Amino acid sequence: MKTRKSLTRRFKITKNGKVLRRQGFKRHQNASKSRKKKRALSRIIEVDNAHAKKIRKILGKNKKTKVVKKEKKAKKQRNSSK
């Protein structure tokens, strides 16, 4: 499946599988916004889990789900050994 190139430009996936994005509302009408507000909008933030899962799937990078599966498997093994 091909990845959507528009999404590859808008989102970055970290080593640990977090999805990062830029904030909106900074393109125009900046005269009415305070310096503090404009600085805050410049920061890169993490996408919430509900959307991150879909974005990872579209980009073909389901690293976070693989990590979760490994953790669950390790937890089962620890519980079975008790």
C-alpha atoms as a PDB file:
ATOM      1  CA  MET A   1       0.000   0.000   0.000  1.00  0.00           C
ATOM      2  CA  LYS A   2       1.362   3.434  -0.911  1.00  0.00           C
ATOM      3  CA  THR A   3       1.850   6.020   1.811  1.00  0.00           C
ATOM      4  CA  ARG A   4       0.109   9.358   1.519  1.00  0.00           C
ATOM      5  CA  LYS A   5       2.826  11.875   0.724  1.00  0.00           C
ATOM      6  CA  SER A   6       0.808  14.780   2.128  1.00  0.00           C
ATOM      7  CA  LEU A   7       0.841  13.085   5.533  1.00  0.00           C
ATOM      8  CA  THR A   8       4.550  12.303   5.419  1.00  0.00           C
ATOM      9  CA  ARG A   9       5.177  16.045   5.179  1.00  0.00           C
ATOM     10  CA  ARG A  10       2.791  16.955   7.996  1.00  0.00           C
ATOM     11  CA  PHE A  11       3.641  14.339  10.606  1.00  0.00           C
ATOM     12  CA  LYS A  12       6.816  12.936  12.105  1.00  0.00           C
ATOM     13  CA  ILE A  13       7.036   9.605  13.895  1.00  0.00           C
ATOM     14  CA  THR A  14       9.619   9.389  16.659  1.00  0.00           C
ATOM     15  CA  LYS A  15      11.815   6.430  17.525  1.00  0.00           C
ATOM     16  CA  ASN A  16       9.330   5.347  20.197  1.00  0.00           C
ATOM     17  CA  GLY A  17       6.344   5.590  17.851  1.00  0.00           C
ATOM     18  CA  LYS A  18       4.897   8.932  18.954  1.00  0.00           C
ATOM     19  CA  VAL A  19       3.297  11.014  16.214  1.00  0.00           C
ATOM     20  CA  LEU A  20       4.244  14.704  16.203  1.00  0.00           C
ATOM     21  CA  ARG A  21       2.572  17.579  14.377  1.00  0.00           C
ATOM     22  CA  ARG A  22       2.661  21.349  14.063  1.00  0.00           C
ATOM     23  CA  GLN A  23      -0.092  23.477  15.529  1.00  0.00           C
ATOM     24  CA  GLY A  24      -2.496  25.459  13.405  1.00  0.00           C
ATOM     25  CA  PHE A  25      -3.821  29.023  13.714  1.00  0.00           C
ATOM     26  CA  LYS A  26      -0.511  30.747  13.018  1.00  0.00           C
ATOM     27  CA  ARG A  27      -0.779  31.588   9.310  1.00  0.00           C
ATOM     28  CA  HIS A  28      -2.751  34.824   9.432  1.00  0.00           C
ATOM     29  CA  GLN A  29      -4.426  37.318  11.774  1.00  0.00           C
ATOM     30  CA  ASN A  30      -1.304  37.322  13.917  1.00  0.00           C
ATOM     31  CA  ALA A  31      -1.543  41.002  14.818  1.00  0.00           C
ATOM     32  CA  SER A  32      -4.369  40.227  17.222  1.00  0.00           C
ATOM     33  CA  LYS A  33      -2.383  37.432  18.930  1.00  0.00           C
ATOM     34  CA  SER A  34       0.079  38.043  21.735  1.00  0.00           C
ATOM     35  CA  ARG A  35       3.770  37.126  21.463  1.00  0.00           C
ATOM     36  CA  LYS A  36       3.241  34.424  24.046  1.00  0.00           C
ATOM     37  CA  LYS A  37       0.399  32.901  22.028  1.00  0.00           C
ATOM     38  CA  LYS A  38       2.432  32.946  18.787  1.00  0.00           C
ATOM     39  CA  ARG A  39       5.411  31.306  20.511  1.00  0.00           C
ATOM     40  CA  ALA A  40       3.127  28.632  21.947  1.00  0.00           C
ATOM     41  CA  LEU A  41       1.684  27.934  18.495  1.00  0.00           C
ATOM     42  CA  SER A  42       5.215  27.439  17.101  1.00  0.00           C
ATOM     43  CA  ARG A  43       5.820  24.375  19.233  1.00  0.00           C
ATOM     44  CA  ILE A  44       5.546  20.881  17.848  1.00  0.00           C
ATOM     45  CA  ILE A  45       3.077  18.778  19.816  1.00  0.00           C
ATOM     46  CA  GLU A  46       2.145  15.116  20.076  1.00  0.00           C
ATOM     47  CA  VAL A  47      -1.006  13.840  18.357  1.00  0.00           C
ATOM     48  CA  ASP A  48      -3.569  12.218  20.659  1.00  0.00           C
ATOM     49  CA  ASN A  49      -3.771   8.409  20.581  1.00  0.00           C
ATOM     50  CA  ALA A  50      -7.112   8.206  18.783  1.00  0.00           C
ATOM     51  CA  HIS A  51      -5.704   9.980  15.718  1.00  0.00           C
ATOM     52  CA  ALA A  52      -2.124   8.737  16.048  1.00  0.00           C
ATOM     53  CA  LYS A  53      -3.145   5.133  15.477  1.00  0.00           C
ATOM     54  CA  LYS A  54      -4.842   6.033  12.182  1.00  0.00           C
ATOM     55  CA  ILE A  55      -1.935   8.193  11.039  1.00  0.00           C
ATOM     56  CA  ARG A  56       0.580   5.438  11.783  1.00  0.00           C
ATOM     57  CA  LYS A  57      -1.536   2.988   9.806  1.00  0.00           C
ATOM     58  CA  ILE A  58      -1.739   5.318   6.792  1.00  0.00           C
ATOM     59  CA  LEU A  59       2.008   5.967   6.924  1.00  0.00           C
ATOM     60  CA  GLY A  60       2.700   2.246   7.260  1.00  0.00           C
ATOM     61  CA  LYS A  61       4.535   2.571  10.575  1.00  0.00           C
ATOM     62  CA  ASN A  62       2.739   0.598  13.265  1.00  0.00           C
ATOM     63  CA  LYS A  63       5.722   0.570  15.603  1.00  0.00           C
ATOM     64  CA  LYS A  64       3.709   1.606  18.667  1.00  0.00           C
ATOM     65  CA  THR A  65       1.295  -1.327  18.287  1.00  0.00           C
ATOM     66  CA  LYS A  66       4.221  -3.764  17.960  1.00  0.00           C
ATOM     67  CA  VAL A  67       5.735  -2.432  21.188  1.00  0.00           C
ATOM     68  CA  VAL A  68       2.411  -2.814  23.000  1.00  0.00           C
ATOM     69  CA  LYS A  69       2.050  -6.410  21.768  1.00  0.00           C
ATOM     70  CA  LYS A  70       5.559  -7.270  23.016  1.00  0.00           C
ATOM     71  CA  GLU A  71       4.765  -5.764  26.417  1.00  0.00           C
ATOM     72  CA  LYS A  72       1.546  -7.772  26.700  1.00  0.00           C
ATOM     73  CA  LYS A  73       3.379 -10.968  25.697  1.00  0.00           C
ATOM     74  CA  ALA A  74       6.089 -10.363  28.315  1.00  0.00           C
ATOM     75  CA  LYS A  75       3.434  -9.668  30.957  1.00  0.00           C
ATOM     76  CA  LYS A  76       1.672 -12.957  30.151  1.00  0.00           C
ATOM     77  CA  GLN A  77       4.947 -14.851  30.477  1.00  0.00           C
ATOM     78  CA  ARG A  78       5.640 -13.239  33.874  1.00  0.00           C
ATOM     79  CA  ASN A  79       2.136 -14.140  35.093  1.00  0.00           C
ATOM     80  CA  SER A  80       2.364 -17.734  33.867  1.00  0.00           C
ATOM     81  CA  SER A  81       5.690 -18.301  35.653  1.00  0.00           C
ATOM     82  CA  LYS A  82       4.201 -17.364  39.067  1.00  0.00           C
END
